[in-house]
Amino acid sequence: MGKGTKCIREYFDYCVTLQPCRKITQIACDAIGSGAVVTANGFYDFELYNYDKTTKVRGRFTFVLEGGDTNWKILSHHSSKVPGT
């Protein structure tokens, strides 16, 4: 797994090819310091479409975002299947 803007973009570009349909079921956001950096953690339900097969996934995520107003950038992201689901 890589780091940096290029790797983040490649990851999300790949995810889009699976035509995800997602619903965030729980989210908590916390500002760090002056509020220019924010963490967002939560859970989601995903449906992934790959050819004629649909896979349902319960997942969890963490984003670290930097910015303000409408110009936010992803500094870090983690998403994974909830264990045991």
N, C-alpha and C. Protein backbone atom coordinates (compact mmCIF):
# COMPACT_ATOMS: atom_id res chain seq x y z
N MET A 1 0.85 -1.17 0.00
CA MET A 1 0.00 0.00 0.00
C MET A 1 0.89 1.23 0.00
N GLY A 2 0.58 2.15 -0.87
CA GLY A 2 1.40 3.33 -0.99
C GLY A 2 0.89 4.50 -0.19
N LYS A 3 1.65 5.57 -0.24
CA LYS A 3 1.30 6.81 0.44
C LYS A 3 1.30 7.94 -0.56
N GLY A 4 0.62 9.00 -0.21
CA GLY A 4 0.66 10.20 -1.02
C GLY A 4 -0.55 10.37 -1.90
N THR A 5 -0.62 11.56 -2.49
CA THR A 5 -1.77 11.94 -3.31
C THR A 5 -2.01 10.97 -4.45
N LYS A 6 -0.96 10.55 -5.14
CA LYS A 6 -1.12 9.65 -6.29
C LYS A 6 -1.75 8.33 -5.87
N CYS A 7 -1.28 7.74 -4.78
CA CYS A 7 -1.81 6.46 -4.32
C CYS A 7 -3.25 6.59 -3.83
N ILE A 8 -3.56 7.69 -3.16
CA ILE A 8 -4.94 7.92 -2.71
C ILE A 8 -5.87 8.02 -3.92
N ARG A 9 -5.46 8.78 -4.93
CA ARG A 9 -6.29 8.93 -6.13
C ARG A 9 -6.47 7.58 -6.83
N GLU A 10 -5.41 6.79 -6.95
CA GLU A 10 -5.51 5.47 -7.60
C GLU A 10 -6.47 4.56 -6.84
N TYR A 11 -6.42 4.59 -5.50
CA TYR A 11 -7.31 3.78 -4.68
C TYR A 11 -8.77 4.14 -4.95
N PHE A 12 -9.08 5.44 -4.89
CA PHE A 12 -10.47 5.85 -5.10
C PHE A 12 -10.91 5.64 -6.54
N ASP A 13 -10.02 5.84 -7.51
CA ASP A 13 -10.36 5.56 -8.91
C ASP A 13 -10.73 4.09 -9.08
N TYR A 14 -9.99 3.18 -8.43
CA TYR A 14 -10.30 1.75 -8.50
C TYR A 14 -11.66 1.47 -7.85
N CYS A 15 -11.89 2.06 -6.69
CA CYS A 15 -13.16 1.83 -5.99
C CYS A 15 -14.35 2.24 -6.85
N VAL A 16 -14.21 3.31 -7.60
CA VAL A 16 -15.30 3.78 -8.45
C VAL A 16 -15.64 2.75 -9.52
N THR A 17 -14.66 1.98 -9.98
CA THR A 17 -14.95 0.96 -11.01
C THR A 17 -15.88 -0.12 -10.49
N LEU A 18 -15.97 -0.29 -9.17
CA LEU A 18 -16.87 -1.28 -8.57
C LEU A 18 -18.27 -0.70 -8.35
N GLN A 19 -18.50 0.52 -8.79
CA GLN A 19 -19.79 1.21 -8.69
C GLN A 19 -20.37 1.10 -7.28
N PRO A 20 -19.64 1.57 -6.28
CA PRO A 20 -20.13 1.40 -4.91
C PRO A 20 -21.38 2.21 -4.63
N CYS A 21 -22.26 1.61 -3.89
CA CYS A 21 -23.42 2.29 -3.34
C CYS A 21 -23.24 2.21 -1.83
N ARG A 22 -23.11 3.31 -1.18
CA ARG A 22 -22.77 3.27 0.23
C ARG A 22 -23.72 4.13 1.04
N LYS A 23 -23.81 3.76 2.29
CA LYS A 23 -24.60 4.52 3.24
C LYS A 23 -23.82 4.59 4.54
N ILE A 24 -23.47 5.79 4.95
CA ILE A 24 -22.80 5.96 6.23
C ILE A 24 -23.84 5.76 7.32
N THR A 25 -23.55 4.86 8.23
CA THR A 25 -24.50 4.54 9.30
C THR A 25 -24.14 5.20 10.62
N GLN A 26 -22.88 5.62 10.76
CA GLN A 26 -22.44 6.29 11.99
C GLN A 26 -21.18 7.08 11.66
N ILE A 27 -21.10 8.32 12.15
CA ILE A 27 -19.91 9.13 11.91
C ILE A 27 -19.67 10.05 13.10
N ALA A 28 -18.41 10.25 13.43
CA ALA A 28 -18.00 11.19 14.46
C ALA A 28 -16.85 12.01 13.90
N CYS A 29 -16.94 13.32 14.00
CA CYS A 29 -15.90 14.21 13.50
C CYS A 29 -15.33 15.01 14.67
N ASP A 30 -14.02 15.16 14.68
CA ASP A 30 -13.35 15.91 15.74
C ASP A 30 -12.31 16.83 15.13
N ALA A 31 -12.35 18.10 15.53
CA ALA A 31 -11.35 19.07 15.09
C ALA A 31 -10.10 18.91 15.94
N ILE A 32 -8.96 19.14 15.30
CA ILE A 32 -7.68 19.08 15.99
C ILE A 32 -7.10 20.50 15.98
N GLY A 33 -6.71 20.97 17.14
CA GLY A 33 -6.12 22.32 17.23
C GLY A 33 -7.10 23.39 16.81
N SER A 34 -6.70 24.20 15.85
CA SER A 34 -7.50 25.34 15.40
C SER A 34 -8.68 24.93 14.52
N GLY A 35 -8.77 23.65 14.17
CA GLY A 35 -9.86 23.18 13.33
C GLY A 35 -9.50 23.04 11.87
N ALA A 36 -8.25 23.33 11.52
CA ALA A 36 -7.81 23.18 10.13
C ALA A 36 -7.58 21.71 9.79
N VAL A 37 -7.45 20.86 10.82
CA VAL A 37 -7.32 19.42 10.63
C VAL A 37 -8.48 18.75 11.38
N VAL A 38 -9.13 17.81 10.70
CA VAL A 38 -10.30 17.14 11.27
C VAL A 38 -10.17 15.64 11.05
N THR A 39 -10.58 14.86 12.05
CA THR A 39 -10.69 13.41 11.85
C THR A 39 -12.16 13.08 11.72
N ALA A 40 -12.45 12.12 10.86
CA ALA A 40 -13.82 11.61 10.69
C ALA A 40 -13.73 10.09 10.76
N ASN A 41 -14.45 9.50 11.70
CA ASN A 41 -14.45 8.05 11.90
C ASN A 41 -15.88 7.56 11.88
N GLY A 42 -16.08 6.36 11.35
CA GLY A 42 -17.43 5.84 11.38
C GLY A 42 -17.57 4.49 10.73
N PHE A 43 -18.83 4.14 10.47
CA PHE A 43 -19.18 2.86 9.86
C PHE A 43 -20.06 3.11 8.64
N TYR A 44 -20.01 2.19 7.69
CA TYR A 44 -20.82 2.31 6.49
C TYR A 44 -21.26 0.93 6.03
N ASP A 45 -22.30 0.91 5.24
CA ASP A 45 -22.73 -0.28 4.52
C ASP A 45 -22.46 -0.03 3.05
N PHE A 46 -21.78 -0.95 2.39
CA PHE A 46 -21.40 -0.83 0.98
C PHE A 46 -22.05 -1.93 0.18
N GLU A 47 -22.46 -1.62 -1.02
CA GLU A 47 -22.82 -2.63 -2.02
C GLU A 47 -21.88 -2.42 -3.19
N LEU A 48 -21.11 -3.45 -3.53
CA LEU A 48 -20.16 -3.38 -4.63
C LEU A 48 -20.68 -4.21 -5.79
N TYR A 49 -20.62 -3.63 -6.98
CA TYR A 49 -21.08 -4.32 -8.17
C TYR A 49 -19.88 -4.68 -9.04
N ASN A 50 -19.71 -5.96 -9.29
CA ASN A 50 -18.62 -6.44 -10.13
C ASN A 50 -19.22 -7.42 -11.13
N TYR A 51 -19.39 -6.95 -12.35
CA TYR A 51 -20.09 -7.70 -13.39
C TYR A 51 -21.52 -7.90 -12.93
N ASP A 52 -22.01 -9.12 -12.81
CA ASP A 52 -23.40 -9.37 -12.42
C ASP A 52 -23.53 -9.73 -10.95
N LYS A 53 -22.46 -9.61 -10.19
CA LYS A 53 -22.47 -10.01 -8.79
C LYS A 53 -22.48 -8.78 -7.89
N THR A 54 -23.33 -8.82 -6.86
CA THR A 54 -23.39 -7.76 -5.86
C THR A 54 -22.87 -8.32 -4.54
N THR A 55 -21.96 -7.59 -3.93
CA THR A 55 -21.41 -7.98 -2.64
C THR A 55 -21.75 -6.91 -1.62
N LYS A 56 -22.32 -7.31 -0.48
CA LYS A 56 -22.62 -6.36 0.59
C LYS A 56 -21.51 -6.44 1.63
N VAL A 57 -21.05 -5.28 2.06
CA VAL A 57 -19.93 -5.19 2.99
C VAL A 57 -20.27 -4.18 4.09
N ARG A 58 -20.03 -4.56 5.33
CA ARG A 58 -20.11 -3.63 6.46
C ARG A 58 -18.68 -3.18 6.72
N GLY A 59 -18.45 -1.90 6.70
CA GLY A 59 -17.09 -1.40 6.83
C GLY A 59 -16.96 -0.31 7.88
N ARG A 60 -15.71 0.03 8.12
CA ARG A 60 -15.37 1.12 9.04
C ARG A 60 -14.37 2.01 8.32
N PHE A 61 -14.33 3.27 8.70
CA PHE A 61 -13.43 4.19 8.01
C PHE A 61 -12.87 5.23 8.96
N THR A 62 -11.74 5.78 8.57
CA THR A 62 -11.13 6.93 9.23
C THR A 62 -10.55 7.83 8.15
N PHE A 63 -10.87 9.09 8.23
CA PHE A 63 -10.26 10.09 7.36
C PHE A 63 -9.57 11.12 8.25
N VAL A 64 -8.42 11.62 7.81
CA VAL A 64 -7.81 12.81 8.39
C VAL A 64 -7.82 13.84 7.26
N LEU A 65 -8.49 14.95 7.50
CA LEU A 65 -8.69 15.98 6.48
C LEU A 65 -8.05 17.29 6.93
N GLU A 66 -7.59 18.05 5.94
CA GLU A 66 -7.00 19.37 6.23
C GLU A 66 -7.62 20.38 5.29
N GLY A 67 -7.93 21.54 5.81
CA GLY A 67 -8.46 22.58 4.94
C GLY A 67 -9.35 23.53 5.69
N GLY A 68 -10.41 23.91 5.02
CA GLY A 68 -11.37 24.84 5.59
C GLY A 68 -12.36 25.23 4.53
N ASP A 69 -13.47 25.79 4.95
CA ASP A 69 -14.56 26.17 4.06
C ASP A 69 -14.93 24.99 3.16
N THR A 70 -14.72 25.11 1.86
CA THR A 70 -15.08 24.03 0.93
C THR A 70 -13.85 23.38 0.30
N ASN A 71 -12.66 23.71 0.75
CA ASN A 71 -11.43 23.20 0.15
C ASN A 71 -10.72 22.25 1.12
N TRP A 72 -11.21 21.01 1.23
CA TRP A 72 -10.62 20.01 2.12
C TRP A 72 -9.81 19.01 1.33
N LYS A 73 -8.68 18.59 1.90
CA LYS A 73 -7.82 17.58 1.28
C LYS A 73 -7.67 16.40 2.21
N ILE A 74 -7.63 15.20 1.64
CA ILE A 74 -7.45 13.99 2.43
C ILE A 74 -5.96 13.83 2.72
N LEU A 75 -5.61 13.84 4.01
CA LEU A 75 -4.22 13.59 4.40
C LEU A 75 -3.98 12.11 4.63
N SER A 76 -4.99 11.43 5.15
CA SER A 76 -4.87 10.00 5.44
C SER A 76 -6.26 9.39 5.41
N HIS A 77 -6.31 8.12 5.00
CA HIS A 77 -7.59 7.42 4.92
C HIS A 77 -7.36 5.95 5.22
N HIS A 78 -8.27 5.38 5.97
CA HIS A 78 -8.28 3.92 6.17
C HIS A 78 -9.72 3.46 6.08
N SER A 79 -9.91 2.36 5.39
CA SER A 79 -11.23 1.75 5.28
C SER A 79 -11.02 0.25 5.27
N SER A 80 -11.85 -0.47 6.02
CA SER A 80 -11.72 -1.91 6.02
C SER A 80 -13.05 -2.55 6.43
N LYS A 81 -13.15 -3.81 6.09
CA LYS A 81 -14.32 -4.59 6.46
C LYS A 81 -14.33 -4.77 7.98
N VAL A 82 -15.51 -4.70 8.57
CA VAL A 82 -15.64 -4.95 10.00
C VAL A 82 -15.38 -6.43 10.24
N PRO A 83 -14.44 -6.78 11.12
CA PRO A 83 -14.15 -8.21 11.36
C PRO A 83 -15.40 -8.98 11.79
N GLY A 84 -15.50 -10.18 11.28
CA GLY A 84 -16.61 -11.06 11.66
C GLY A 84 -17.90 -10.82 10.91
N THR A 85 -17.87 -9.91 9.89
CA THR A 85 -19.09 -9.66 9.11
C THR A 85 -18.97 -10.24 7.73
